[in-house]
């Protein structure tokens, strides 16, 4: 969300909404609407002004916020932890794990390829 990201960047720089609006030459109310997601599609011109004032790139404004990145972080549940610990205790190395993962990817690819070939033969 551009509004959430904008708010975080503004606060990191220590600007109030009023200060950022004045420095960027944009409407304070429009800036507030963007931050609160009342207005969700800011113009490119608006984004350029804000990005320049915040000394960042437009892509950074449009990207995920750090708090959104954290919400996507994988958390190992107890079962995963036990499985990994057991594999390590039994001597599985990181290299072994990567090779096993690659093997599984290969197997899935091979199965998908076989399924596609069967579908093509059935259509013939």
PDB file of N, CA and C in Angstrom:
ATOM      1  N   UNK A   1       0.831  -1.182   0.000  1.00  0.00           N
ATOM      2  CA  UNK A   1       0.000   0.000   0.000  1.00  0.00           C
ATOM      3  C   UNK A   1       0.877   1.248   0.000  1.00  0.00           C
ATOM      4  N   UNK A   2       0.653   2.089  -0.968  1.00  0.00           N
ATOM      5  CA  UNK A   2       1.473   3.283  -1.092  1.00  0.00           C
ATOM      6  C   UNK A   2       1.280   4.222   0.109  1.00  0.00           C
ATOM      7  N   UNK A   3       0.078   4.291   0.640  1.00  0.00           N
ATOM      8  CA  UNK A   3      -0.180   5.182   1.780  1.00  0.00           C
ATOM      9  C   UNK A   3       0.615   4.798   3.009  1.00  0.00           C
ATOM     10  N   UNK A   4       0.610   3.521   3.314  1.00  0.00           N
ATOM     11  CA  UNK A   4       1.341   3.034   4.484  1.00  0.00           C
ATOM     12  C   UNK A   4       2.834   3.262   4.313  1.00  0.00           C
ATOM     13  N   UNK A   5       3.336   2.956   3.126  1.00  0.00           N
ATOM     14  CA  UNK A   5       4.763   3.136   2.842  1.00  0.00           C
ATOM     15  C   UNK A   5       5.142   4.612   2.922  1.00  0.00           C
ATOM     16  N   UNK A   6       4.314   5.468   2.361  1.00  0.00           N
ATOM     17  CA  UNK A   6       4.558   6.910   2.389  1.00  0.00           C
ATOM     18  C   UNK A   6       4.629   7.423   3.823  1.00  0.00           C
ATOM     19  N   UNK A   7       3.684   7.010   4.646  1.00  0.00           N
ATOM     20  CA  UNK A   7       3.666   7.429   6.047  1.00  0.00           C
ATOM     21  C   UNK A   7       4.952   6.999   6.767  1.00  0.00           C
ATOM     22  N   UNK A   8       5.362   5.749   6.542  1.00  0.00           N
ATOM     23  CA  UNK A   8       6.572   5.243   7.195  1.00  0.00           C
ATOM     24  C   UNK A   8       7.806   6.038   6.769  1.00  0.00           C
ATOM     25  N   UNK A   9       7.918   6.310   5.477  1.00  0.00           N
ATOM     26  CA  UNK A   9       9.071   7.076   4.987  1.00  0.00           C
ATOM     27  C   UNK A   9       9.056   8.511   5.519  1.00  0.00           C
ATOM     28  N   UNK A  10       7.883   9.110   5.547  1.00  0.00           N
ATOM     29  CA  UNK A  10       7.761  10.481   6.072  1.00  0.00           C
ATOM     30  C   UNK A  10       8.188  10.527   7.535  1.00  0.00           C
ATOM     31  N   UNK A  11       7.712   9.572   8.308  1.00  0.00           N
ATOM     32  CA  UNK A  11       8.053   9.535   9.729  1.00  0.00           C
ATOM     33  C   UNK A  11       9.539   9.245   9.949  1.00  0.00           C
ATOM     34  N   UNK A  12      10.124   8.392   9.113  1.00  0.00           N
ATOM     35  CA  UNK A  12      11.566   8.120   9.214  1.00  0.00           C
ATOM     36  C   UNK A  12      12.379   9.399   9.030  1.00  0.00           C
ATOM     37  N   UNK A  13      11.911  10.280   8.128  1.00  0.00           N
ATOM     38  CA  UNK A  13      12.604  11.545   7.877  1.00  0.00           C
ATOM     39  C   UNK A  13      12.270  12.593   8.939  1.00  0.00           C
ATOM     40  N   UNK A  14      11.280  12.301   9.774  1.00  0.00           N
ATOM     41  CA  UNK A  14      10.916  13.232  10.847  1.00  0.00           C
ATOM     42  C   UNK A  14      10.025  14.378  10.412  1.00  0.00           C
ATOM     43  N   UNK A  15       9.324  14.217   9.293  1.00  0.00           N
ATOM     44  CA  UNK A  15       8.432  15.271   8.806  1.00  0.00           C
ATOM     45  C   UNK A  15       7.010  15.052   9.299  1.00  0.00           C
ATOM     46  N   UNK A  16       6.330  16.148   9.591  1.00  0.00           N
ATOM     47  CA  UNK A  16       4.891  16.080   9.811  1.00  0.00           C
ATOM     48  C   UNK A  16       4.243  16.099   8.426  1.00  0.00           C
ATOM     49  N   UNK A  17       2.953  15.833   8.362  1.00  0.00           N
ATOM     50  CA  UNK A  17       2.255  15.897   7.073  1.00  0.00           C
ATOM     51  C   UNK A  17       2.349  17.309   6.517  1.00  0.00           C
ATOM     52  N   UNK A  18       2.174  18.286   7.372  1.00  0.00           N
ATOM     53  CA  UNK A  18       2.233  19.688   6.945  1.00  0.00           C
ATOM     54  C   UNK A  18       3.597  20.028   6.370  1.00  0.00           C
ATOM     55  N   UNK A  19       4.652  19.619   7.061  1.00  0.00           N
ATOM     56  CA  UNK A  19       6.011  19.919   6.588  1.00  0.00           C
ATOM     57  C   UNK A  19       6.283  19.273   5.238  1.00  0.00           C
ATOM     58  N   UNK A  20       5.954  17.998   5.101  1.00  0.00           N
ATOM     59  CA  UNK A  20       6.203  17.310   3.840  1.00  0.00           C
ATOM     60  C   UNK A  20       5.400  17.942   2.711  1.00  0.00           C
ATOM     61  N   UNK A  21       4.153  18.268   2.967  1.00  0.00           N
ATOM     62  CA  UNK A  21       3.310  18.882   1.940  1.00  0.00           C
ATOM     63  C   UNK A  21       3.918  20.209   1.476  1.00  0.00           C
ATOM     64  N   UNK A  22       4.368  21.034   2.414  1.00  0.00           N
ATOM     65  CA  UNK A  22       4.966  22.327   2.056  1.00  0.00           C
ATOM     66  C   UNK A  22       6.267  22.140   1.278  1.00  0.00           C
ATOM     67  N   UNK A  23       7.126  21.238   1.754  1.00  0.00           N
ATOM     68  CA  UNK A  23       8.410  21.013   1.083  1.00  0.00           C
ATOM     69  C   UNK A  23       8.236  20.443  -0.329  1.00  0.00           C
ATOM     70  N   UNK A  24       7.242  19.579  -0.489  1.00  0.00           N
ATOM     71  CA  UNK A  24       7.017  18.935  -1.788  1.00  0.00           C
ATOM     72  C   UNK A  24       6.140  19.768  -2.711  1.00  0.00           C
ATOM     73  N   UNK A  25       5.470  20.751  -2.155  1.00  0.00           N
ATOM     74  CA  UNK A  25       4.581  21.576  -2.971  1.00  0.00           C
ATOM     75  C   UNK A  25       3.316  20.845  -3.362  1.00  0.00           C
ATOM     76  N   UNK A  26       2.772  20.058  -2.415  1.00  0.00           N
ATOM     77  CA  UNK A  26       1.522  19.337  -2.672  1.00  0.00           C
ATOM     78  C   UNK A  26       0.502  19.716  -1.606  1.00  0.00           C
ATOM     79  N   UNK A  27      -0.719  19.374  -1.865  1.00  0.00           N
ATOM     80  CA  UNK A  27      -1.790  19.662  -0.927  1.00  0.00           C
ATOM     81  C   UNK A  27      -1.677  18.780   0.320  1.00  0.00           C
ATOM     82  N   UNK A  28      -1.800  19.419   1.466  1.00  0.00           N
ATOM     83  CA  UNK A  28      -1.747  18.677   2.730  1.00  0.00           C
ATOM     84  C   UNK A  28      -2.904  17.679   2.815  1.00  0.00           C
ATOM     85  N   UNK A  29      -4.088  18.105   2.403  1.00  0.00           N
ATOM     86  CA  UNK A  29      -5.246  17.214   2.487  1.00  0.00           C
ATOM     87  C   UNK A  29      -5.090  16.022   1.540  1.00  0.00           C
ATOM     88  N   UNK A  30      -4.530  16.260   0.347  1.00  0.00           N
ATOM     89  CA  UNK A  30      -4.327  15.164  -0.607  1.00  0.00           C
ATOM     90  C   UNK A  30      -3.302  14.182  -0.056  1.00  0.00           C
ATOM     91  N   UNK A  31      -2.230  14.712   0.530  1.00  0.00           N
ATOM     92  CA  UNK A  31      -1.210  13.869   1.146  1.00  0.00           C
ATOM     93  C   UNK A  31      -1.825  13.018   2.258  1.00  0.00           C
ATOM     94  N   UNK A  32      -2.672  13.625   3.057  1.00  0.00           N
ATOM     95  CA  UNK A  32      -3.356  12.905   4.128  1.00  0.00           C
ATOM     96  C   UNK A  32      -4.267  11.815   3.561  1.00  0.00           C
ATOM     97  N   UNK A  33      -4.974  12.130   2.482  1.00  0.00           N
ATOM     98  CA  UNK A  33      -5.839  11.127   1.841  1.00  0.00           C
ATOM     99  C   UNK A  33      -5.032   9.930   1.354  1.00  0.00           C
ATOM    100  N   UNK A  34      -3.874  10.201   0.784  1.00  0.00           N
ATOM    101  CA  UNK A  34      -3.016   9.115   0.290  1.00  0.00           C
ATOM    102  C   UNK A  34      -2.565   8.241   1.460  1.00  0.00           C
ATOM    103  N   UNK A  35      -2.077   8.889   2.519  1.00  0.00           N
ATOM    104  CA  UNK A  35      -1.575   8.125   3.670  1.00  0.00           C
ATOM    105  C   UNK A  35      -2.664   7.279   4.316  1.00  0.00           C
ATOM    106  N   UNK A  36      -3.890   7.775   4.329  1.00  0.00           N
ATOM    107  CA  UNK A  36      -4.987   7.041   4.969  1.00  0.00           C
ATOM    108  C   UNK A  36      -5.702   6.111   4.005  1.00  0.00           C
ATOM    109  N   UNK A  37      -5.193   5.995   2.786  1.00  0.00           N
ATOM    110  CA  UNK A  37      -5.767   5.142   1.744  1.00  0.00           C
ATOM    111  C   UNK A  37      -7.187   5.527   1.356  1.00  0.00           C
ATOM    112  N   UNK A  38      -7.536   6.800   1.576  1.00  0.00           N
ATOM    113  CA  UNK A  38      -8.814   7.306   1.068  1.00  0.00           C
ATOM    114  C   UNK A  38      -8.668   7.459  -0.444  1.00  0.00           C
ATOM    115  N   UNK A  39      -7.518   7.988  -0.850  1.00  0.00           N
ATOM    116  CA  UNK A  39      -7.138   8.100  -2.259  1.00  0.00           C
ATOM    117  C   UNK A  39      -6.021   7.077  -2.471  1.00  0.00           C
ATOM    118  N   UNK A  40      -6.222   6.144  -3.382  1.00  0.00           N
ATOM    119  CA  UNK A  40      -5.268   5.041  -3.524  1.00  0.00           C
ATOM    120  C   UNK A  40      -4.409   5.110  -4.769  1.00  0.00           C
ATOM    121  N   UNK A  41      -4.691   6.012  -5.679  1.00  0.00           N
ATOM    122  CA  UNK A  41      -3.947   6.073  -6.940  1.00  0.00           C
ATOM    123  C   UNK A  41      -3.361   7.459  -7.169  1.00  0.00           C
ATOM    124  N   UNK A  42      -2.275   7.775  -6.461  1.00  0.00           N
ATOM    125  CA  UNK A  42      -1.676   9.102  -6.654  1.00  0.00           C
ATOM    126  C   UNK A  42      -1.076   9.225  -8.055  1.00  0.00           C
ATOM    127  N   UNK A  43      -1.049  10.449  -8.539  1.00  0.00           N
ATOM    128  CA  UNK A  43      -0.487  10.690  -9.871  1.00  0.00           C
ATOM    129  C   UNK A  43       1.027  10.518  -9.846  1.00  0.00           C
ATOM    130  N   UNK A  44       1.581  10.313 -11.013  1.00  0.00           N
ATOM    131  CA  UNK A  44       3.029  10.179 -11.139  1.00  0.00           C
ATOM    132  C   UNK A  44       3.718  11.486 -10.736  1.00  0.00           C
ATOM    133  N   UNK A  45       3.115  12.589 -11.080  1.00  0.00           N
ATOM    134  CA  UNK A  45       3.669  13.900 -10.712  1.00  0.00           C
ATOM    135  C   UNK A  45       3.732  14.039  -9.188  1.00  0.00           C
ATOM    136  N   UNK A  46       2.677  13.643  -8.508  1.00  0.00           N
ATOM    137  CA  UNK A  46       2.652  13.685  -7.041  1.00  0.00           C
ATOM    138  C   UNK A  46       3.754  12.788  -6.476  1.00  0.00           C
ATOM    139  N   UNK A  47       3.855  11.564  -6.993  1.00  0.00           N
ATOM    140  CA  UNK A  47       4.868  10.624  -6.509  1.00  0.00           C
ATOM    141  C   UNK A  47       6.279  11.153  -6.723  1.00  0.00           C
ATOM    142  N   UNK A  48       6.508  11.810  -7.868  1.00  0.00           N
ATOM    143  CA  UNK A  48       7.831  12.387  -8.137  1.00  0.00           C
ATOM    144  C   UNK A  48       8.182  13.445  -7.091  1.00  0.00           C
ATOM    145  N   UNK A  49       7.231  14.326  -6.815  1.00  0.00           N
ATOM    146  CA  UNK A  49       7.473  15.394  -5.839  1.00  0.00           C
ATOM    147  C   UNK A  49       7.775  14.817  -4.456  1.00  0.00           C
ATOM    148  N   UNK A  50       6.992  13.851  -4.036  1.00  0.00           N
ATOM    149  CA  UNK A  50       7.170  13.253  -2.711  1.00  0.00           C
ATOM    150  C   UNK A  50       8.486  12.483  -2.642  1.00  0.00           C
ATOM    151  N   UNK A  51       8.767  11.671  -3.668  1.00  0.00           N
ATOM    152  CA  UNK A  51      10.001  10.885  -3.683  1.00  0.00           C
ATOM    153  C   UNK A  51      11.220  11.797  -3.640  1.00  0.00           C
ATOM    154  N   UNK A  52      11.184  12.861  -4.408  1.00  0.00           N
ATOM    155  CA  UNK A  52      12.302  13.799  -4.431  1.00  0.00           C
ATOM    156  C   UNK A  52      12.503  14.440  -3.057  1.00  0.00           C
ATOM    157  N   UNK A  53      11.428  14.868  -2.440  1.00  0.00           N
ATOM    158  CA  UNK A  53      11.500  15.508  -1.130  1.00  0.00           C
ATOM    159  C   UNK A  53      11.997  14.541  -0.067  1.00  0.00           C
ATOM    160  N   UNK A  54      11.574  13.282  -0.161  1.00  0.00           N
ATOM    161  CA  UNK A  54      12.003  12.269   0.810  1.00  0.00           C
ATOM    162  C   UNK A  54      13.358  11.652   0.437  1.00  0.00           C
ATOM    163  N   UNK A  55      13.946  12.148  -0.661  1.00  0.00           N
ATOM    164  CA  UNK A  55      15.243  11.667  -1.135  1.00  0.00           C
ATOM    165  C   UNK A  55      15.237  10.155  -1.358  1.00  0.00           C
ATOM    166  N   UNK A  56      14.225   9.717  -2.094  1.00  0.00           N
ATOM    167  CA  UNK A  56      14.101   8.297  -2.409  1.00  0.00           C
ATOM    168  C   UNK A  56      13.607   8.153  -3.838  1.00  0.00           C
ATOM    169  N   UNK A  57      13.399   6.940  -4.275  1.00  0.00           N
ATOM    170  CA  UNK A  57      12.906   6.654  -5.623  1.00  0.00           C
ATOM    171  C   UNK A  57      11.409   6.360  -5.569  1.00  0.00           C
ATOM    172  N   UNK A  58      10.743   6.582  -6.686  1.00  0.00           N
ATOM    173  CA  UNK A  58       9.307   6.284  -6.776  1.00  0.00           C
ATOM    174  C   UNK A  58       9.070   4.803  -6.496  1.00  0.00           C
ATOM    175  N   UNK A  59       9.972   3.950  -6.978  1.00  0.00           N
ATOM    176  CA  UNK A  59       9.831   2.515  -6.771  1.00  0.00           C
ATOM    177  C   UNK A  59       9.789   2.161  -5.293  1.00  0.00           C
ATOM    178  N   UNK A  60      10.537   2.902  -4.482  1.00  0.00           N
ATOM    179  CA  UNK A  60      10.544   2.658  -3.038  1.00  0.00           C
ATOM    180  C   UNK A  60       9.180   3.008  -2.448  1.00  0.00           C
ATOM    181  N   UNK A  61       8.591   4.104  -2.939  1.00  0.00           N
ATOM    182  CA  UNK A  61       7.244   4.478  -2.473  1.00  0.00           C
ATOM    183  C   UNK A  61       6.205   3.430  -2.849  1.00  0.00           C
ATOM    184  N   UNK A  62       6.378   2.828  -4.005  1.00  0.00           N
ATOM    185  CA  UNK A  62       5.399   1.857  -4.496  1.00  0.00           C
ATOM    186  C   UNK A  62       5.638   0.450  -3.964  1.00  0.00           C
ATOM    187  N   UNK A  63       6.824   0.209  -3.410  1.00  0.00           N
ATOM    188  CA  UNK A  63       7.162  -1.120  -2.920  1.00  0.00           C
ATOM    189  C   UNK A  63       6.518  -1.426  -1.593  1.00  0.00           C
ATOM    190  N   UNK A  64       6.704  -2.665  -1.132  1.00  0.00           N
ATOM    191  CA  UNK A  64       6.123  -3.052   0.163  1.00  0.00           C
ATOM    192  C   UNK A  64       6.821  -2.336   1.303  1.00  0.00           C
ATOM    193  N   UNK A  65       6.075  -2.065   2.336  1.00  0.00           N
ATOM    194  CA  UNK A  65       6.664  -1.424   3.509  1.00  0.00           C
ATOM    195  C   UNK A  65       7.407  -2.472   4.324  1.00  0.00           C
ATOM    196  N   UNK A  66       8.365  -2.046   5.138  1.00  0.00           N
ATOM    197  CA  UNK A  66       9.088  -3.004   5.974  1.00  0.00           C
ATOM    198  C   UNK A  66       8.152  -3.827   6.861  1.00  0.00           C
ATOM    199  N   UNK A  67       7.087  -3.222   7.357  1.00  0.00           N
ATOM    200  CA  UNK A  67       6.165  -3.973   8.207  1.00  0.00           C
ATOM    201  C   UNK A  67       5.408  -5.022   7.401  1.00  0.00           C
ATOM    202  N   UNK A  68       5.128  -4.748   6.112  1.00  0.00           N
ATOM    203  CA  UNK A  68       4.489  -5.744   5.267  1.00  0.00           C
ATOM    204  C   UNK A  68       5.451  -6.886   4.978  1.00  0.00           C
ATOM    205  N   UNK A  69       6.745  -6.563   4.788  1.00  0.00           N
ATOM    206  CA  UNK A  69       7.740  -7.602   4.571  1.00  0.00           C
ATOM    207  C   UNK A  69       7.807  -8.541   5.770  1.00  0.00           C
ATOM    208  N   UNK A  70       7.710  -7.998   6.985  1.00  0.00           N
ATOM    209  CA  UNK A  70       7.769  -8.825   8.183  1.00  0.00           C
ATOM    210  C   UNK A  70       6.587  -9.772   8.266  1.00  0.00           C
ATOM    211  N   UNK A  71       5.428  -9.309   7.786  1.00  0.00           N
ATOM    212  CA  UNK A  71       4.245 -10.162   7.869  1.00  0.00           C
ATOM    213  C   UNK A  71       4.361 -11.373   6.950  1.00  0.00           C
ATOM    214  N   UNK A  72       5.239 -11.311   5.944  1.00  0.00           N
ATOM    215  CA  UNK A  72       5.437 -12.427   5.037  1.00  0.00           C
ATOM    216  C   UNK A  72       6.531 -13.372   5.524  1.00  0.00           C
ATOM    217  N   UNK A  73       7.177 -12.989   6.617  1.00  0.00           N
ATOM    218  CA  UNK A  73       8.272 -13.800   7.136  1.00  0.00           C
ATOM    219  C   UNK A  73       7.748 -15.172   7.552  1.00  0.00           C
ATOM    220  N   UNK A  74       8.498 -16.191   7.189  1.00  0.00           N
ATOM    221  CA  UNK A  74       8.102 -17.556   7.491  1.00  0.00           C
ATOM    222  C   UNK A  74       8.461 -17.870   8.943  1.00  0.00           C
ATOM    223  N   UNK A  75       7.514 -18.410   9.658  1.00  0.00           N
ATOM    224  CA  UNK A  75       7.748 -18.816  11.033  1.00  0.00           C
ATOM    225  C   UNK A  75       7.641 -20.334  11.082  1.00  0.00           C
ATOM    226  N   UNK A  76       8.687 -20.969  11.616  1.00  0.00           N
ATOM    227  CA  UNK A  76       8.678 -22.423  11.700  1.00  0.00           C
ATOM    228  C   UNK A  76       7.793 -22.865  12.856  1.00  0.00           C
ATOM    229  N   UNK A  77       6.869 -23.755  12.554  1.00  0.00           N
ATOM    230  CA  UNK A  77       6.073 -24.300  13.636  1.00  0.00           C
ATOM    231  C   UNK A  77       6.867 -25.418  14.313  1.00  0.00           C
ATOM    232  N   UNK A  78       6.319 -25.979  15.358  1.00  0.00           N
ATOM    233  CA  UNK A  78       7.029 -26.979  16.150  1.00  0.00           C
ATOM    234  C   UNK A  78       7.382 -28.226  15.327  1.00  0.00           C
ATOM    235  N   UNK A  79       6.460 -28.651  14.464  1.00  0.00           N
ATOM    236  CA  UNK A  79       6.710 -29.841  13.662  1.00  0.00           C
ATOM    237  C   UNK A  79       7.892 -29.634  12.710  1.00  0.00           C
ATOM    238  N   UNK A  80       7.940 -28.473  12.044  1.00  0.00           N
ATOM    239  CA  UNK A  80       9.068 -28.176  11.161  1.00  0.00           C
ATOM    240  C   UNK A  80      10.375 -28.161  11.943  1.00  0.00           C
ATOM    241  N   UNK A  81      10.354 -27.529  13.091  1.00  0.00           N
ATOM    242  CA  UNK A  81      11.570 -27.460  13.917  1.00  0.00           C
ATOM    243  C   UNK A  81      12.064 -28.855  14.278  1.00  0.00           C
ATOM    244  N   UNK A  82      11.134 -29.727  14.677  1.00  0.00           N
ATOM    245  CA  UNK A  82      11.519 -31.095  15.035  1.00  0.00           C
ATOM    246  C   UNK A  82      12.091 -31.839  13.838  1.00  0.00           C
ATOM    247  N   UNK A  83      11.435 -31.707  12.680  1.00  0.00           N
ATOM    248  CA  UNK A  83      11.922 -32.378  11.476  1.00  0.00           C
ATOM    249  C   UNK A  83      13.320 -31.900  11.098  1.00  0.00           C
ATOM    250  N   UNK A  84      13.537 -30.612  11.134  1.00  0.00           N
ATOM    251  CA  UNK A  84      14.852 -30.072  10.789  1.00  0.00           C
ATOM    252  C   UNK A  84      15.914 -30.502  11.796  1.00  0.00           C
ATOM    253  N   UNK A  85      15.580 -30.437  13.061  1.00  0.00           N
ATOM    254  CA  UNK A  85      16.543 -30.850  14.085  1.00  0.00           C
ATOM    255  C   UNK A  85      16.898 -32.329  13.948  1.00  0.00           C
ATOM    256  N   UNK A  86      15.904 -33.167  13.666  1.00  0.00           N
ATOM    257  CA  UNK A  86      16.161 -34.596  13.501  1.00  0.00           C
ATOM    258  C   UNK A  86      17.063 -34.846  12.290  1.00  0.00           C
ATOM    259  N   UNK A  87      16.790 -34.141  11.192  1.00  0.00           N
ATOM    260  CA  UNK A  87      17.619 -34.296   9.994  1.00  0.00           C
ATOM    261  C   UNK A  87      19.061 -33.878  10.283  1.00  0.00           C
ATOM    262  N   UNK A  88      19.233 -32.810  11.025  1.00  0.00           N
ATOM    263  CA  UNK A  88      20.583 -32.347  11.380  1.00  0.00           C
ATOM    264  C   UNK A  88      21.272 -33.358  12.286  1.00  0.00           C
ATOM    265  N   UNK A  89      20.533 -33.880  13.260  1.00  0.00           N
ATOM    266  CA  UNK A  89      21.092 -34.889  14.176  1.00  0.00           C
ATOM    267  C   UNK A  89      21.525 -36.135  13.416  1.00  0.00           C
ATOM    268  N   UNK A  90      20.791 -36.460  12.356  1.00  0.00           N
ATOM    269  CA  UNK A  90      21.103 -37.655  11.563  1.00  0.00           C
ATOM    270  C   UNK A  90      22.193 -37.385  10.527  1.00  0.00           C
ATOM    271  N   UNK A  91      22.738 -36.176  10.550  1.00  0.00           N
ATOM    272  CA  UNK A  91      23.879 -35.873   9.687  1.00  0.00           C
ATOM    273  C   UNK A  91      23.570 -35.148   8.391  1.00  0.00           C
ATOM    274  N   UNK A  92      22.351 -34.680   8.210  1.00  0.00           N
ATOM    275  CA  UNK A  92      22.030 -33.972   6.971  1.00  0.00           C
ATOM    276  C   UNK A  92      22.700 -32.593   6.996  1.00  0.00           C
ATOM    277  N   UNK A  93      23.434 -32.300   5.950  1.00  0.00           N
ATOM    278  CA  UNK A  93      24.108 -31.004   5.844  1.00  0.00           C
ATOM    279  C   UNK A  93      23.239 -30.039   5.040  1.00  0.00           C
ATOM    280  N   UNK A  94      23.644 -28.781   5.004  1.00  0.00           N
ATOM    281  CA  UNK A  94      22.932 -27.794   4.189  1.00  0.00           C
ATOM    282  C   UNK A  94      23.001 -28.194   2.717  1.00  0.00           C
ATOM    283  N   UNK A  95      24.159 -28.713   2.324  1.00  0.00           N
ATOM    284  CA  UNK A  95      24.330 -29.153   0.936  1.00  0.00           C
ATOM    285  C   UNK A  95      23.362 -30.291   0.615  1.00  0.00           C
ATOM    286  N   UNK A  96      23.248 -31.256   1.554  1.00  0.00           N
ATOM    287  CA  UNK A  96      22.309 -32.372   1.364  1.00  0.00           C
ATOM    288  C   UNK A  96      20.881 -31.850   1.215  1.00  0.00           C
ATOM    289  N   UNK A  97      20.527 -30.911   2.070  1.00  0.00           N
ATOM    290  CA  UNK A  97      19.173 -30.351   2.044  1.00  0.00           C
ATOM    291  C   UNK A  97      18.909 -29.667   0.708  1.00  0.00           C
ATOM    292  N   UNK A  98      19.876 -28.883   0.227  1.00  0.00           N
ATOM    293  CA  UNK A  98      19.708 -28.195  -1.055  1.00  0.00           C
ATOM    294  C   UNK A  98      19.575 -29.192  -2.199  1.00  0.00           C
ATOM    295  N   UNK A  99      20.383 -30.250  -2.162  1.00  0.00           N
ATOM    296  CA  UNK A  99      20.291 -31.275  -3.206  1.00  0.00           C
ATOM    297  C   UNK A  99      18.943 -31.983  -3.181  1.00  0.00           C
ATOM    298  N   UNK A 100      18.449 -32.258  -1.989  1.00  0.00           N
ATOM    299  CA  UNK A 100      17.145 -32.902  -1.864  1.00  0.00           C
ATOM    300  C   UNK A 100      16.043 -31.979  -2.390  1.00  0.00           C
ATOM    301  N   UNK A 101      16.143 -30.712  -2.064  1.00  0.00           N
ATOM    302  CA  UNK A 101      15.172 -29.725  -2.549  1.00  0.00           C
ATOM    303  C   UNK A 101      15.210 -29.657  -4.077  1.00  0.00           C
ATOM    304  N   UNK A 102      16.416 -29.642  -4.642  1.00  0.00           N
ATOM    305  CA  UNK A 102      16.553 -29.618  -6.105  1.00  0.00           C
ATOM    306  C   UNK A 102      15.968 -30.877  -6.738  1.00  0.00           C
ATOM    307  N   UNK A 103      16.172 -32.021  -6.076  1.00  0.00           N
ATOM    308  CA  UNK A 103      15.609 -33.281  -6.575  1.00  0.00           C
ATOM    309  C   UNK A 103      14.086 -33.204  -6.604  1.00  0.00           C
ATOM    310  N   UNK A 104      13.495 -32.667  -5.542  1.00  0.00           N
ATOM    311  CA  UNK A 104      12.032 -32.550  -5.500  1.00  0.00           C
ATOM    312  C   UNK A 104      11.519 -31.625  -6.601  1.00  0.00           C
ATOM    313  N   UNK A 105      12.226 -30.530  -6.840  1.00  0.00           N
ATOM    314  CA  UNK A 105      11.838 -29.624  -7.927  1.00  0.00           C
ATOM    315  C   UNK A 105      11.894 -30.354  -9.267  1.00  0.00           C
ATOM    316  N   UNK A 106      12.971 -31.140  -9.471  1.00  0.00           N
ATOM    317  CA  UNK A 106      13.130 -31.901 -10.709  1.00  0.00           C
ATOM    318  C   UNK A 106      11.990 -32.895 -10.871  1.00  0.00           C
ATOM    319  N   UNK A 107      11.662 -33.598  -9.778  1.00  0.00           N
ATOM    320  CA  UNK A 107      10.599 -34.600  -9.823  1.00  0.00           C
ATOM    321  C   UNK A 107       9.257 -33.956 -10.181  1.00  0.00           C
ATOM    322  N   UNK A 108       8.971 -32.797  -9.587  1.00  0.00           N
ATOM    323  CA  UNK A 108       7.719 -32.095  -9.918  1.00  0.00           C
ATOM    324  C   UNK A 108       7.701 -31.660 -11.380  1.00  0.00           C
ATOM    325  N   UNK A 109       8.857 -31.170 -11.849  1.00  0.00           N
ATOM    326  CA  UNK A 109       8.956 -30.756 -13.251  1.00  0.00           C
ATOM    327  C   UNK A 109       8.712 -31.930 -14.173  1.00  0.00           C
ATOM    328  N   UNK A 110       9.323 -33.074 -13.843  1.00  0.00           N
ATOM    329  CA  UNK A 110       9.196 -34.281 -14.663  1.00  0.00           C
ATOM    330  C   UNK A 110       7.740 -34.755 -14.692  1.00  0.00           C
ATOM    331  N   UNK A 111       7.077 -34.725 -13.527  1.00  0.00           N
ATOM    332  CA  UNK A 111       5.670 -35.136 -13.461  1.00  0.00           C
ATOM    333  C   UNK A 111       4.786 -34.197 -14.282  1.00  0.00           C
ATOM    334  N   UNK A 112       5.063 -32.901 -14.207  1.00  0.00           N
ATOM    335  CA  UNK A 112       4.280 -31.931 -14.978  1.00  0.00           C
ATOM    336  C   UNK A 112       4.487 -32.147 -16.474  1.00  0.00           C
ATOM    337  N   UNK A 113       5.724 -32.424 -16.850  1.00  0.00           N
ATOM    338  CA  UNK A 113       6.040 -32.677 -18.260  1.00  0.00           C
ATOM    339  C   UNK A 113       5.304 -33.923 -18.756  1.00  0.00           C
ATOM    340  N   UNK A 114       5.308 -34.970 -17.935  1.00  0.00           N
ATOM    341  CA  UNK A 114       4.636 -36.220 -18.304  1.00  0.00           C
ATOM    342  C   UNK A 114       3.127 -35.982 -18.451  1.00  0.00           C
ATOM    343  N   UNK A 115       2.548 -35.216 -17.535  1.00  0.00           N
ATOM    344  CA  UNK A 115       1.124 -34.897 -17.589  1.00  0.00           C
ATOM    345  C   UNK A 115       0.806 -34.131 -18.865  1.00  0.00           C
ATOM    346  N   UNK A 116       1.650 -33.153 -19.217  1.00  0.00           N
ATOM    347  CA  UNK A 116       1.432 -32.382 -20.446  1.00  0.00           C
ATOM    348  C   UNK A 116       1.523 -33.269 -21.676  1.00  0.00           C
ATOM    349  N   UNK A 117       2.487 -34.197 -21.700  1.00  0.00           N
ATOM    350  CA  UNK A 117       2.622 -35.117 -22.835  1.00  0.00           C
ATOM    351  C   UNK A 117       1.392 -35.995 -22.958  1.00  0.00           C
ATOM    352  N   UNK A 118       0.867 -36.466 -21.831  1.00  0.00           N
ATOM    353  CA  UNK A 118      -0.344 -37.309 -21.857  1.00  0.00           C
ATOM    354  C   UNK A 118      -1.535 -36.518 -22.388  1.00  0.00           C
ATOM    355  N   UNK A 119      -1.640 -35.244 -21.994  1.00  0.00           N
ATOM    356  CA  UNK A 119      -2.750 -34.417 -22.481  1.00  0.00           C
ATOM    357  C   UNK A 119      -2.648 -34.191 -23.982  1.00  0.00           C
ATOM    358  N   UNK A 120      -1.434 -34.007 -24.461  1.00  0.00           N
ATOM    359  CA  UNK A 120      -1.233 -33.802 -25.910  1.00  0.00           C
ATOM    360  C   UNK A 120      -1.601 -35.064 -26.672  1.00  0.00           C
ATOM    361  N   UNK A 121      -1.211 -36.239 -26.143  1.00  0.00           N
ATOM    362  CA  UNK A 121      -1.534 -37.504 -26.810  1.00  0.00           C
ATOM    363  C   UNK A 121      -3.029 -37.750 -26.824  1.00  0.00           C
ATOM    364  N   UNK A 122      -3.721 -37.374 -25.748  1.00  0.00           N
ATOM    365  CA  UNK A 122      -5.168 -37.573 -25.700  1.00  0.00           C
ATOM    366  C   UNK A 122      -5.876 -36.679 -26.696  1.00  0.00           C
ATOM    367  N   UNK A 123      -5.321 -35.481 -26.952  1.00  0.00           N
ATOM    368  CA  UNK A 123      -5.943 -34.558 -27.912  1.00  0.00           C
ATOM    369  C   UNK A 123      -5.719 -35.006 -29.353  1.00  0.00           C
ATOM    370  N   UNK A 124      -4.709 -35.845 -29.583  1.00  0.00           N
ATOM    371  CA  UNK A 124      -4.376 -36.253 -30.964  1.00  0.00           C
ATOM    372  C   UNK A 124      -5.343 -37.258 -31.511  1.00  0.00           C
TER     373      UNK A 124
END
